[in-house]
Amino acid sequence: MRLRGAIWYQGEANAGAPSSYACRFPAMVADWRSKFGLPDLAFLYVELAAYSQDYSSIRAAQEWGRTLQTA
């Protein structure tokens, strides 16, 4: 069996530290790709909805993670 992709659902735990998350999320994606030896690993994520808080900073960090090189 071969891993083809990952789906990430970010909970609210990082909502209080969006600048930290902006560093950690892309680092996690790069780390998974490196450790699995799959530079083109598809990495999908679910955005937090703004039910009780404004999560736009977390969503911005996730969006920035999409700009990572895959090679």
N, C-alpha and C. Protein backbone atom coordinates (compact mmCIF):
# COMPACT_ATOMS: atom_id res chain seq x y z
N MET A 1 0.85 -1.18 0.00
CA MET A 1 0.00 0.00 0.00
C MET A 1 0.89 1.24 0.00
N ARG A 2 0.52 2.21 -0.77
CA ARG A 2 1.30 3.44 -0.88
C ARG A 2 0.44 4.64 -0.48
N LEU A 3 1.04 5.51 0.29
CA LEU A 3 0.36 6.74 0.70
C LEU A 3 0.32 7.70 -0.49
N ARG A 4 -0.85 8.19 -0.80
CA ARG A 4 -1.00 9.11 -1.94
C ARG A 4 -1.30 10.53 -1.51
N GLY A 5 -1.82 10.69 -0.30
CA GLY A 5 -2.16 12.02 0.15
C GLY A 5 -2.58 12.01 1.60
N ALA A 6 -2.76 13.19 2.14
CA ALA A 6 -3.19 13.35 3.52
C ALA A 6 -4.28 14.40 3.56
N ILE A 7 -5.21 14.21 4.48
CA ILE A 7 -6.26 15.20 4.73
C ILE A 7 -6.09 15.66 6.16
N TRP A 8 -6.01 16.96 6.35
CA TRP A 8 -5.76 17.55 7.66
C TRP A 8 -6.95 18.40 8.08
N TYR A 9 -7.48 18.11 9.25
CA TYR A 9 -8.53 18.95 9.82
C TYR A 9 -7.95 19.62 11.04
N GLN A 10 -7.71 20.91 10.94
CA GLN A 10 -7.14 21.67 12.04
C GLN A 10 -8.23 22.04 13.03
N GLY A 11 -8.01 21.69 14.26
CA GLY A 11 -8.93 22.10 15.32
C GLY A 11 -8.67 23.53 15.74
N GLU A 12 -9.30 23.94 16.80
CA GLU A 12 -9.22 25.33 17.25
C GLU A 12 -8.04 25.59 18.18
N ALA A 13 -7.27 24.59 18.52
CA ALA A 13 -6.20 24.73 19.51
C ALA A 13 -5.17 25.80 19.15
N ASN A 14 -4.92 26.01 17.87
CA ASN A 14 -3.91 26.98 17.45
C ASN A 14 -4.47 28.37 17.17
N ALA A 15 -5.74 28.56 17.42
CA ALA A 15 -6.37 29.84 17.09
C ALA A 15 -5.76 31.01 17.85
N GLY A 16 -5.25 30.76 19.03
CA GLY A 16 -4.67 31.84 19.82
C GLY A 16 -3.25 32.21 19.44
N ALA A 17 -2.63 31.42 18.55
CA ALA A 17 -1.24 31.68 18.16
C ALA A 17 -1.08 31.53 16.65
N PRO A 18 -1.76 32.39 15.88
CA PRO A 18 -1.72 32.23 14.43
C PRO A 18 -0.32 32.40 13.83
N SER A 19 0.51 33.25 14.41
CA SER A 19 1.86 33.42 13.84
C SER A 19 2.68 32.15 14.02
N SER A 20 2.51 31.48 15.14
CA SER A 20 3.19 30.20 15.37
C SER A 20 2.66 29.16 14.39
N TYR A 21 1.36 29.14 14.20
CA TYR A 21 0.75 28.18 13.28
C TYR A 21 1.21 28.42 11.85
N ALA A 22 1.42 29.67 11.50
CA ALA A 22 1.88 30.01 10.16
C ALA A 22 3.24 29.40 9.87
N CYS A 23 4.02 29.16 10.90
CA CYS A 23 5.31 28.50 10.76
C CYS A 23 5.16 26.98 10.87
N ARG A 24 4.36 26.54 11.81
CA ARG A 24 4.24 25.11 12.09
C ARG A 24 3.52 24.32 11.00
N PHE A 25 2.47 24.88 10.45
CA PHE A 25 1.70 24.14 9.46
C PHE A 25 2.52 23.82 8.21
N PRO A 26 3.16 24.82 7.58
CA PRO A 26 3.98 24.50 6.40
C PRO A 26 5.15 23.57 6.76
N ALA A 27 5.70 23.73 7.96
CA ALA A 27 6.79 22.86 8.39
C ALA A 27 6.30 21.42 8.51
N MET A 28 5.09 21.24 9.01
CA MET A 28 4.54 19.89 9.14
C MET A 28 4.35 19.25 7.76
N VAL A 29 3.83 20.01 6.82
CA VAL A 29 3.63 19.49 5.46
C VAL A 29 4.98 19.08 4.87
N ALA A 30 5.97 19.95 4.97
CA ALA A 30 7.30 19.64 4.44
C ALA A 30 7.91 18.43 5.14
N ASP A 31 7.70 18.33 6.44
CA ASP A 31 8.24 17.21 7.21
C ASP A 31 7.61 15.89 6.78
N TRP A 32 6.31 15.87 6.63
CA TRP A 32 5.63 14.64 6.21
C TRP A 32 6.13 14.21 4.82
N ARG A 33 6.24 15.17 3.92
CA ARG A 33 6.72 14.84 2.57
C ARG A 33 8.13 14.28 2.62
N SER A 34 8.95 14.87 3.45
CA SER A 34 10.33 14.41 3.59
C SER A 34 10.40 13.02 4.24
N LYS A 35 9.72 12.85 5.35
CA LYS A 35 9.79 11.58 6.07
C LYS A 35 9.19 10.41 5.30
N PHE A 36 8.16 10.66 4.53
CA PHE A 36 7.58 9.60 3.73
C PHE A 36 8.29 9.43 2.39
N GLY A 37 9.24 10.33 2.10
CA GLY A 37 9.96 10.26 0.84
C GLY A 37 9.07 10.49 -0.36
N LEU A 38 8.05 11.33 -0.17
CA LEU A 38 7.08 11.63 -1.22
C LEU A 38 6.99 13.14 -1.44
N PRO A 39 7.90 13.70 -2.22
CA PRO A 39 7.92 15.16 -2.39
C PRO A 39 6.66 15.73 -3.02
N ASP A 40 5.88 14.91 -3.70
CA ASP A 40 4.65 15.38 -4.34
C ASP A 40 3.40 14.93 -3.59
N LEU A 41 3.56 14.54 -2.32
CA LEU A 41 2.44 14.08 -1.52
C LEU A 41 1.33 15.14 -1.51
N ALA A 42 0.14 14.75 -1.93
CA ALA A 42 -1.00 15.66 -1.89
C ALA A 42 -1.35 15.93 -0.43
N PHE A 43 -1.56 17.17 -0.08
CA PHE A 43 -1.88 17.53 1.29
C PHE A 43 -3.09 18.46 1.26
N LEU A 44 -4.24 17.90 1.60
CA LEU A 44 -5.48 18.67 1.61
C LEU A 44 -5.80 19.06 3.04
N TYR A 45 -6.43 20.20 3.20
CA TYR A 45 -6.78 20.64 4.54
C TYR A 45 -8.19 21.22 4.55
N VAL A 46 -8.79 21.17 5.72
CA VAL A 46 -10.13 21.71 5.92
C VAL A 46 -9.99 23.03 6.65
N GLU A 47 -10.64 24.05 6.15
CA GLU A 47 -10.58 25.36 6.81
C GLU A 47 -11.57 25.42 7.97
N LEU A 48 -11.17 26.08 9.04
CA LEU A 48 -12.07 26.30 10.16
C LEU A 48 -13.14 27.31 9.78
N ALA A 49 -14.35 27.00 10.08
CA ALA A 49 -15.45 27.93 9.83
C ALA A 49 -15.50 28.96 10.96
N ALA A 50 -16.00 30.12 10.66
CA ALA A 50 -16.05 31.21 11.65
C ALA A 50 -17.38 31.19 12.40
N TYR A 51 -17.62 30.12 13.15
CA TYR A 51 -18.87 30.04 13.91
C TYR A 51 -18.85 30.96 15.12
N SER A 52 -17.86 30.80 15.96
CA SER A 52 -17.83 31.58 17.20
C SER A 52 -16.65 32.54 17.26
N GLN A 53 -15.71 32.41 16.33
CA GLN A 53 -14.52 33.25 16.31
C GLN A 53 -14.14 33.55 14.87
N ASP A 54 -13.26 34.52 14.73
CA ASP A 54 -12.71 34.82 13.42
C ASP A 54 -11.41 34.03 13.26
N TYR A 55 -11.43 33.03 12.41
CA TYR A 55 -10.25 32.19 12.18
C TYR A 55 -9.52 32.57 10.91
N SER A 56 -9.70 33.78 10.45
CA SER A 56 -9.09 34.18 9.19
C SER A 56 -7.57 34.10 9.23
N SER A 57 -6.95 34.35 10.38
CA SER A 57 -5.48 34.27 10.45
C SER A 57 -5.01 32.82 10.32
N ILE A 58 -5.75 31.88 10.86
CA ILE A 58 -5.40 30.47 10.70
C ILE A 58 -5.61 30.05 9.24
N ARG A 59 -6.70 30.48 8.64
CA ARG A 59 -6.94 30.17 7.23
C ARG A 59 -5.85 30.76 6.35
N ALA A 60 -5.38 31.96 6.68
CA ALA A 60 -4.30 32.59 5.91
C ALA A 60 -3.02 31.77 6.03
N ALA A 61 -2.74 31.24 7.21
CA ALA A 61 -1.55 30.41 7.40
C ALA A 61 -1.66 29.12 6.58
N GLN A 62 -2.85 28.55 6.53
CA GLN A 62 -3.05 27.35 5.73
C GLN A 62 -2.86 27.67 4.25
N GLU A 63 -3.38 28.78 3.83
CA GLU A 63 -3.24 29.17 2.43
C GLU A 63 -1.78 29.37 2.07
N TRP A 64 -1.02 29.98 2.98
CA TRP A 64 0.40 30.19 2.74
C TRP A 64 1.10 28.84 2.58
N GLY A 65 0.66 27.84 3.33
CA GLY A 65 1.23 26.51 3.22
C GLY A 65 1.09 25.90 1.84
N ARG A 66 0.11 26.35 1.09
CA ARG A 66 -0.10 25.85 -0.26
C ARG A 66 1.01 26.29 -1.21
N THR A 67 1.77 27.31 -0.85
CA THR A 67 2.81 27.82 -1.72
C THR A 67 4.11 27.02 -1.61
N LEU A 68 4.15 26.03 -0.73
CA LEU A 68 5.36 25.23 -0.56
C LEU A 68 5.75 24.52 -1.85
N GLN A 69 7.03 24.47 -2.10
CA GLN A 69 7.53 23.69 -3.22
C GLN A 69 7.29 22.21 -2.93
N THR A 70 6.99 21.45 -3.93
CA THR A 70 6.77 20.01 -3.72
C THR A 70 7.97 19.20 -4.18
N ALA A 71 9.02 19.83 -4.59
CA ALA A 71 10.21 19.07 -5.04
C ALA A 71 11.43 19.54 -4.30
